[in-house]
């Protein structure tokens, strides 16, 4: 009986270990399945400047959505109880409904609670800075 219980515990441990490894190792892509043409605007709030702006130019929307979709990330830490950020980004569809929301903490880090996701490539950080300066400058 004890051997059977130990075997069950061992199997459960292996399943948990494999699941945890998959969560950490499998790349995540944000906005997968979202067609940039279905997005009417992107609402951005810069937490470091307090500036809020909307991106409505279809070419800019396509560039940003595709950049974020095509940049693979990996979980890099727990984001719960963390405050402060640079860009809060929300995609708004043609009916006016939000379809996805996440935070760009840095050029290579996305925060979508409860995790941080890091990439080896830059996201569209400079594009967002350029659009923000065009609106506020």
N, C-alpha and C. Protein backbone atom coordinates (compact mmCIF):
# COMPACT_ATOMS: atom_id res chain seq x y z
N UNK A 1 0.81 -1.18 0.00
CA UNK A 1 0.00 0.00 0.00
C UNK A 1 0.86 1.26 0.00
N UNK A 2 1.94 1.25 0.84
CA UNK A 2 2.82 2.41 0.89
C UNK A 2 3.52 2.61 -0.44
N UNK A 3 3.88 1.53 -1.12
CA UNK A 3 4.55 1.64 -2.42
C UNK A 3 3.61 2.27 -3.45
N UNK A 4 2.34 1.91 -3.37
CA UNK A 4 1.36 2.46 -4.30
C UNK A 4 1.20 3.97 -4.07
N UNK A 5 1.14 4.40 -2.83
CA UNK A 5 1.02 5.81 -2.49
C UNK A 5 2.28 6.56 -2.94
N UNK A 6 3.44 5.99 -2.71
CA UNK A 6 4.69 6.62 -3.15
C UNK A 6 4.74 6.74 -4.67
N UNK A 7 4.26 5.72 -5.37
CA UNK A 7 4.22 5.77 -6.83
C UNK A 7 3.28 6.88 -7.31
N UNK A 8 2.14 7.01 -6.70
CA UNK A 8 1.19 8.07 -7.06
C UNK A 8 1.81 9.44 -6.81
N UNK A 9 2.44 9.63 -5.67
CA UNK A 9 3.10 10.90 -5.35
C UNK A 9 4.20 11.18 -6.37
N UNK A 10 4.97 10.17 -6.73
CA UNK A 10 6.04 10.34 -7.72
C UNK A 10 5.47 10.76 -9.08
N UNK A 11 4.40 10.13 -9.52
CA UNK A 11 3.76 10.46 -10.80
C UNK A 11 3.23 11.90 -10.77
N UNK A 12 2.60 12.28 -9.68
CA UNK A 12 2.10 13.65 -9.54
C UNK A 12 3.26 14.64 -9.59
N UNK A 13 4.35 14.34 -8.91
CA UNK A 13 5.53 15.21 -8.93
C UNK A 13 6.08 15.35 -10.34
N UNK A 14 6.16 14.28 -11.08
CA UNK A 14 6.66 14.32 -12.47
C UNK A 14 5.74 15.18 -13.33
N UNK A 15 4.44 15.03 -13.18
CA UNK A 15 3.48 15.82 -13.96
C UNK A 15 3.65 17.30 -13.64
N UNK A 16 3.79 17.64 -12.38
CA UNK A 16 3.98 19.04 -11.97
C UNK A 16 5.30 19.58 -12.53
N UNK A 17 6.36 18.79 -12.46
CA UNK A 17 7.66 19.23 -12.97
C UNK A 17 7.62 19.48 -14.48
N UNK A 18 6.98 18.60 -15.21
CA UNK A 18 6.87 18.76 -16.67
C UNK A 18 6.02 19.99 -17.00
N UNK A 19 4.93 20.18 -16.28
CA UNK A 19 4.06 21.35 -16.51
C UNK A 19 4.82 22.64 -16.23
N UNK A 20 5.56 22.68 -15.15
CA UNK A 20 6.33 23.88 -14.80
C UNK A 20 7.40 24.15 -15.86
N UNK A 21 8.07 23.11 -16.32
CA UNK A 21 9.09 23.29 -17.35
C UNK A 21 8.47 23.83 -18.64
N UNK A 22 7.32 23.32 -19.02
CA UNK A 22 6.65 23.81 -20.23
C UNK A 22 6.25 25.27 -20.08
N UNK A 23 5.74 25.65 -18.91
CA UNK A 23 5.36 27.04 -18.68
C UNK A 23 6.56 27.98 -18.80
N UNK A 24 7.70 27.53 -18.34
CA UNK A 24 8.88 28.38 -18.35
C UNK A 24 9.62 28.36 -19.69
N UNK A 25 9.57 27.25 -20.40
CA UNK A 25 10.39 27.10 -21.59
C UNK A 25 9.69 27.40 -22.91
N UNK A 26 8.38 27.21 -22.96
CA UNK A 26 7.66 27.43 -24.21
C UNK A 26 7.48 28.93 -24.42
N UNK A 27 7.95 29.46 -25.55
CA UNK A 27 7.80 30.90 -25.80
C UNK A 27 6.33 31.31 -25.89
N UNK A 28 6.05 32.52 -25.41
CA UNK A 28 4.69 33.08 -25.49
C UNK A 28 4.74 34.26 -26.44
N UNK A 29 3.71 34.37 -27.26
CA UNK A 29 3.58 35.51 -28.16
C UNK A 29 2.28 36.22 -27.81
N UNK A 30 2.36 37.52 -27.68
CA UNK A 30 1.19 38.32 -27.31
C UNK A 30 0.41 38.73 -28.56
N UNK A 31 -0.90 38.66 -28.45
CA UNK A 31 -1.76 39.08 -29.55
C UNK A 31 -1.88 38.06 -30.66
N UNK A 32 -1.44 36.83 -30.39
CA UNK A 32 -1.55 35.78 -31.38
C UNK A 32 -3.02 35.61 -31.74
N UNK A 33 -3.31 35.59 -33.02
CA UNK A 33 -4.69 35.43 -33.46
C UNK A 33 -5.43 36.74 -33.66
N UNK A 34 -4.80 37.87 -33.32
CA UNK A 34 -5.43 39.16 -33.53
C UNK A 34 -5.00 39.70 -34.89
N UNK A 35 -5.98 40.04 -35.70
CA UNK A 35 -5.71 40.62 -37.02
C UNK A 35 -5.60 42.13 -36.84
N UNK A 36 -4.46 42.73 -37.21
CA UNK A 36 -4.30 44.18 -37.05
C UNK A 36 -5.42 44.98 -37.72
N UNK A 37 -6.01 44.44 -38.77
CA UNK A 37 -7.10 45.15 -39.45
C UNK A 37 -8.39 45.18 -38.63
N UNK A 38 -8.49 44.32 -37.62
CA UNK A 38 -9.65 44.31 -36.74
C UNK A 38 -9.51 45.30 -35.58
N UNK A 39 -8.34 45.92 -35.46
CA UNK A 39 -8.08 46.87 -34.39
C UNK A 39 -8.35 48.28 -34.91
N UNK A 40 -9.25 49.01 -34.26
CA UNK A 40 -9.57 50.38 -34.70
C UNK A 40 -8.62 51.39 -34.10
N UNK A 41 -8.13 51.09 -32.89
CA UNK A 41 -7.14 51.97 -32.27
C UNK A 41 -6.41 51.23 -31.17
N UNK A 42 -5.27 51.79 -30.84
CA UNK A 42 -4.48 51.30 -29.70
C UNK A 42 -4.42 52.46 -28.72
N UNK A 43 -4.87 52.22 -27.50
CA UNK A 43 -4.81 53.23 -26.45
C UNK A 43 -3.55 52.98 -25.64
N UNK A 44 -2.76 54.04 -25.46
CA UNK A 44 -1.49 53.92 -24.75
C UNK A 44 -1.46 54.94 -23.62
N UNK A 45 -1.00 54.52 -22.45
CA UNK A 45 -0.76 55.43 -21.34
C UNK A 45 0.68 55.26 -20.92
N UNK A 46 1.42 56.36 -20.88
CA UNK A 46 2.81 56.33 -20.45
C UNK A 46 2.85 56.63 -18.96
N UNK A 47 3.13 55.62 -18.18
CA UNK A 47 3.17 55.76 -16.73
C UNK A 47 4.32 56.60 -16.23
N UNK A 48 5.33 56.82 -17.06
CA UNK A 48 6.46 57.64 -16.62
C UNK A 48 6.25 59.12 -16.90
N UNK A 49 5.36 59.47 -17.84
CA UNK A 49 5.11 60.88 -18.17
C UNK A 49 3.68 61.31 -17.85
N UNK A 50 2.78 60.36 -17.71
CA UNK A 50 1.37 60.69 -17.47
C UNK A 50 0.61 61.02 -18.74
N UNK A 51 1.25 60.82 -19.90
CA UNK A 51 0.62 61.14 -21.18
C UNK A 51 -0.16 59.94 -21.68
N UNK A 52 -1.41 60.19 -22.10
CA UNK A 52 -2.25 59.16 -22.70
C UNK A 52 -2.49 59.55 -24.15
N UNK A 53 -2.43 58.58 -25.05
CA UNK A 53 -2.68 58.87 -26.46
C UNK A 53 -3.23 57.64 -27.16
N UNK A 54 -3.94 57.92 -28.26
CA UNK A 54 -4.50 56.85 -29.09
C UNK A 54 -3.75 56.79 -30.41
N UNK A 55 -3.56 55.58 -30.88
CA UNK A 55 -2.94 55.35 -32.18
C UNK A 55 -4.06 54.85 -33.09
N UNK A 56 -4.37 55.62 -34.13
CA UNK A 56 -5.48 55.27 -35.00
C UNK A 56 -5.06 55.08 -36.46
N UNK A 57 -3.83 55.41 -36.78
CA UNK A 57 -3.34 55.23 -38.14
C UNK A 57 -3.18 53.73 -38.40
N UNK A 58 -3.87 53.19 -39.42
CA UNK A 58 -3.82 51.74 -39.69
C UNK A 58 -2.40 51.21 -39.91
N UNK A 59 -1.52 52.00 -40.52
CA UNK A 59 -0.14 51.54 -40.73
C UNK A 59 0.61 51.42 -39.41
N UNK A 60 0.41 52.39 -38.50
CA UNK A 60 1.05 52.33 -37.19
C UNK A 60 0.49 51.17 -36.37
N UNK A 61 -0.82 50.98 -36.43
CA UNK A 61 -1.45 49.86 -35.71
C UNK A 61 -0.87 48.53 -36.20
N UNK A 62 -0.79 48.37 -37.50
CA UNK A 62 -0.27 47.13 -38.07
C UNK A 62 1.18 46.90 -37.64
N UNK A 63 1.99 47.95 -37.70
CA UNK A 63 3.40 47.82 -37.31
C UNK A 63 3.54 47.40 -35.85
N UNK A 64 2.77 48.01 -34.98
CA UNK A 64 2.87 47.72 -33.54
C UNK A 64 2.34 46.32 -33.22
N UNK A 65 1.15 46.00 -33.73
CA UNK A 65 0.55 44.68 -33.45
C UNK A 65 1.45 43.57 -33.98
N UNK A 66 1.92 43.71 -35.21
CA UNK A 66 2.78 42.66 -35.79
C UNK A 66 4.11 42.56 -35.07
N UNK A 67 4.67 43.69 -34.64
CA UNK A 67 5.93 43.64 -33.88
C UNK A 67 5.74 42.84 -32.60
N UNK A 68 4.67 43.13 -31.88
CA UNK A 68 4.44 42.44 -30.61
C UNK A 68 4.11 40.96 -30.86
N UNK A 69 3.33 40.68 -31.91
CA UNK A 69 3.00 39.28 -32.23
C UNK A 69 4.24 38.48 -32.62
N UNK A 70 5.17 39.10 -33.31
CA UNK A 70 6.32 38.38 -33.87
C UNK A 70 7.53 38.36 -32.95
N UNK A 71 7.38 38.86 -31.74
CA UNK A 71 8.50 38.89 -30.80
C UNK A 71 8.26 37.84 -29.72
N UNK A 72 8.97 36.71 -29.79
CA UNK A 72 8.75 35.66 -28.79
C UNK A 72 9.29 36.08 -27.41
N UNK A 73 8.58 35.68 -26.38
CA UNK A 73 8.98 35.99 -25.01
C UNK A 73 9.01 34.72 -24.17
N UNK A 74 9.65 34.84 -23.04
CA UNK A 74 9.65 33.75 -22.06
C UNK A 74 9.34 34.35 -20.69
N UNK A 75 8.65 33.59 -19.88
CA UNK A 75 8.38 34.06 -18.52
C UNK A 75 9.71 34.32 -17.83
N UNK A 76 9.76 35.45 -17.12
CA UNK A 76 11.02 35.78 -16.46
C UNK A 76 10.86 36.15 -15.00
N UNK A 77 9.65 36.09 -14.50
CA UNK A 77 9.45 36.39 -13.08
C UNK A 77 7.99 36.63 -12.77
N UNK A 78 7.74 36.76 -11.49
CA UNK A 78 6.40 37.02 -11.00
C UNK A 78 6.21 38.54 -10.92
N UNK A 79 5.06 39.02 -11.43
CA UNK A 79 4.82 40.46 -11.44
C UNK A 79 3.80 40.92 -10.41
N UNK A 80 3.20 39.98 -9.70
CA UNK A 80 2.20 40.36 -8.71
C UNK A 80 2.82 41.27 -7.66
N UNK A 81 2.07 42.24 -7.25
CA UNK A 81 2.45 43.25 -6.25
C UNK A 81 3.49 44.25 -6.77
N UNK A 82 3.82 44.19 -8.03
CA UNK A 82 4.73 45.17 -8.63
C UNK A 82 3.90 46.32 -9.17
N UNK A 83 4.36 47.52 -8.94
CA UNK A 83 3.67 48.70 -9.45
C UNK A 83 4.64 49.51 -10.29
N UNK A 84 4.09 50.43 -11.05
CA UNK A 84 4.91 51.25 -11.91
C UNK A 84 5.15 50.56 -13.24
N UNK A 85 5.14 51.36 -14.29
CA UNK A 85 5.35 50.82 -15.63
C UNK A 85 5.59 51.97 -16.57
N UNK A 86 5.95 51.63 -17.79
CA UNK A 86 6.10 52.68 -18.78
C UNK A 86 4.86 52.72 -19.65
N UNK A 87 4.68 51.78 -20.57
CA UNK A 87 3.54 51.84 -21.49
C UNK A 87 2.47 50.81 -21.14
N UNK A 88 1.27 51.29 -20.85
CA UNK A 88 0.10 50.42 -20.74
C UNK A 88 -0.57 50.47 -22.11
N UNK A 89 -0.75 49.30 -22.71
CA UNK A 89 -1.25 49.22 -24.08
C UNK A 89 -2.55 48.43 -24.09
N UNK A 90 -3.55 48.97 -24.80
CA UNK A 90 -4.83 48.29 -24.92
C UNK A 90 -5.29 48.35 -26.37
N UNK A 91 -5.57 47.19 -26.95
CA UNK A 91 -6.11 47.11 -28.30
C UNK A 91 -7.63 47.25 -28.23
N UNK A 92 -8.18 48.12 -29.08
CA UNK A 92 -9.63 48.32 -29.15
C UNK A 92 -10.10 47.85 -30.53
N UNK A 93 -11.10 46.97 -30.55
CA UNK A 93 -11.58 46.45 -31.84
C UNK A 93 -12.55 47.42 -32.50
N UNK A 94 -13.04 47.05 -33.66
CA UNK A 94 -13.92 47.92 -34.46
C UNK A 94 -15.25 48.23 -33.76
N UNK A 95 -15.67 47.36 -32.85
CA UNK A 95 -16.92 47.61 -32.13
C UNK A 95 -16.70 48.45 -30.87
N UNK A 96 -15.45 48.83 -30.62
CA UNK A 96 -15.13 49.65 -29.45
C UNK A 96 -14.81 48.86 -28.20
N UNK A 97 -14.71 47.53 -28.32
CA UNK A 97 -14.42 46.69 -27.17
C UNK A 97 -12.92 46.43 -27.06
N UNK A 98 -12.38 46.48 -25.84
CA UNK A 98 -10.97 46.12 -25.64
C UNK A 98 -10.78 44.63 -25.93
N UNK A 99 -9.71 44.30 -26.67
CA UNK A 99 -9.45 42.90 -26.98
C UNK A 99 -8.24 42.36 -26.25
N UNK A 100 -7.29 43.21 -25.94
CA UNK A 100 -6.11 42.76 -25.20
C UNK A 100 -5.47 43.94 -24.49
N UNK A 101 -4.96 43.69 -23.29
CA UNK A 101 -4.29 44.73 -22.53
C UNK A 101 -3.05 44.13 -21.88
N UNK A 102 -1.95 44.86 -21.95
CA UNK A 102 -0.71 44.44 -21.32
C UNK A 102 0.16 45.66 -21.10
N UNK A 103 1.30 45.47 -20.46
CA UNK A 103 2.19 46.56 -20.13
C UNK A 103 3.57 46.29 -20.71
N UNK A 104 4.14 47.30 -21.35
CA UNK A 104 5.55 47.24 -21.75
C UNK A 104 6.34 47.95 -20.65
N UNK A 105 7.09 47.18 -19.87
CA UNK A 105 7.89 47.76 -18.79
C UNK A 105 9.20 48.33 -19.31
N UNK A 106 9.72 47.73 -20.37
CA UNK A 106 10.99 48.17 -20.95
C UNK A 106 11.00 47.72 -22.41
N UNK A 107 12.03 48.08 -23.17
CA UNK A 107 12.07 47.67 -24.58
C UNK A 107 11.99 46.16 -24.80
N UNK A 108 12.32 45.38 -23.77
CA UNK A 108 12.33 43.92 -23.93
C UNK A 108 11.49 43.17 -22.90
N UNK A 109 10.66 43.88 -22.15
CA UNK A 109 9.87 43.23 -21.09
C UNK A 109 8.40 43.62 -21.16
N UNK A 110 7.54 42.61 -21.19
CA UNK A 110 6.09 42.79 -21.11
C UNK A 110 5.64 42.29 -19.75
N UNK A 111 4.70 43.00 -19.17
CA UNK A 111 4.09 42.53 -17.93
C UNK A 111 2.63 42.26 -18.21
N UNK A 112 2.23 41.04 -17.97
CA UNK A 112 0.82 40.65 -18.01
C UNK A 112 0.64 39.78 -16.78
N UNK A 113 0.07 40.39 -15.74
CA UNK A 113 -0.01 39.71 -14.46
C UNK A 113 -0.61 38.32 -14.61
N UNK A 114 0.00 37.36 -13.98
CA UNK A 114 0.92 37.46 -12.86
C UNK A 114 2.40 37.31 -13.23
N UNK A 115 2.78 37.50 -14.51
CA UNK A 115 4.16 37.27 -14.91
C UNK A 115 4.78 38.44 -15.67
N UNK A 116 6.10 38.49 -15.63
CA UNK A 116 6.89 39.29 -16.55
C UNK A 116 7.32 38.35 -17.67
N UNK A 117 7.39 38.87 -18.89
CA UNK A 117 7.85 38.12 -20.05
C UNK A 117 8.97 38.92 -20.70
N UNK A 118 10.10 38.27 -20.95
CA UNK A 118 11.24 38.96 -21.51
C UNK A 118 11.58 38.38 -22.87
N UNK A 119 12.05 39.26 -23.76
CA UNK A 119 12.44 38.87 -25.10
C UNK A 119 13.90 39.19 -25.33
N UNK A 120 14.50 38.50 -26.27
CA UNK A 120 15.87 38.81 -26.67
C UNK A 120 15.89 39.94 -27.69
N UNK A 121 14.72 40.27 -28.23
CA UNK A 121 14.60 41.34 -29.23
C UNK A 121 13.80 42.49 -28.62
N UNK A 122 14.00 43.69 -29.16
CA UNK A 122 13.23 44.84 -28.71
C UNK A 122 11.81 44.79 -29.28
N UNK A 123 10.87 45.25 -28.45
CA UNK A 123 9.52 45.49 -28.93
C UNK A 123 9.51 46.86 -29.62
N UNK A 124 8.37 47.35 -29.93
CA UNK A 124 8.19 48.61 -30.67
C UNK A 124 8.35 49.84 -29.77
N UNK A 125 9.24 49.78 -28.82
CA UNK A 125 9.46 50.82 -27.82
C UNK A 125 9.72 52.19 -28.47
N UNK A 126 10.66 52.22 -29.40
CA UNK A 126 11.02 53.49 -30.05
C UNK A 126 9.86 54.05 -30.87
N UNK A 127 9.09 53.18 -31.50
CA UNK A 127 7.91 53.61 -32.27
C UNK A 127 6.90 54.28 -31.33
N UNK A 128 6.68 53.70 -30.16
CA UNK A 128 5.75 54.29 -29.20
C UNK A 128 6.26 55.64 -28.70
N UNK A 129 7.55 55.73 -28.43
CA UNK A 129 8.15 57.01 -28.01
C UNK A 129 7.98 58.07 -29.10
N UNK A 130 8.21 57.66 -30.34
CA UNK A 130 8.07 58.58 -31.48
C UNK A 130 6.62 59.07 -31.60
N UNK A 131 5.66 58.17 -31.50
CA UNK A 131 4.25 58.56 -31.61
C UNK A 131 3.84 59.45 -30.43
N UNK A 132 4.34 59.12 -29.24
CA UNK A 132 4.03 59.96 -28.07
C UNK A 132 4.60 61.36 -28.23
N UNK A 133 5.83 61.48 -28.71
CA UNK A 133 6.42 62.81 -28.85
C UNK A 133 5.73 63.60 -29.95
N UNK A 134 5.21 62.94 -30.97
CA UNK A 134 4.47 63.62 -32.02
C UNK A 134 3.15 64.18 -31.52
N UNK A 135 2.58 63.54 -30.51
CA UNK A 135 1.30 63.98 -29.97
C UNK A 135 1.51 65.06 -28.90
N UNK A 136 2.50 64.82 -28.03
CA UNK A 136 2.70 65.76 -26.91
C UNK A 136 3.71 66.84 -27.24
N UNK A 137 4.42 66.72 -28.37
CA UNK A 137 5.46 67.69 -28.66
C UNK A 137 5.05 68.56 -29.73
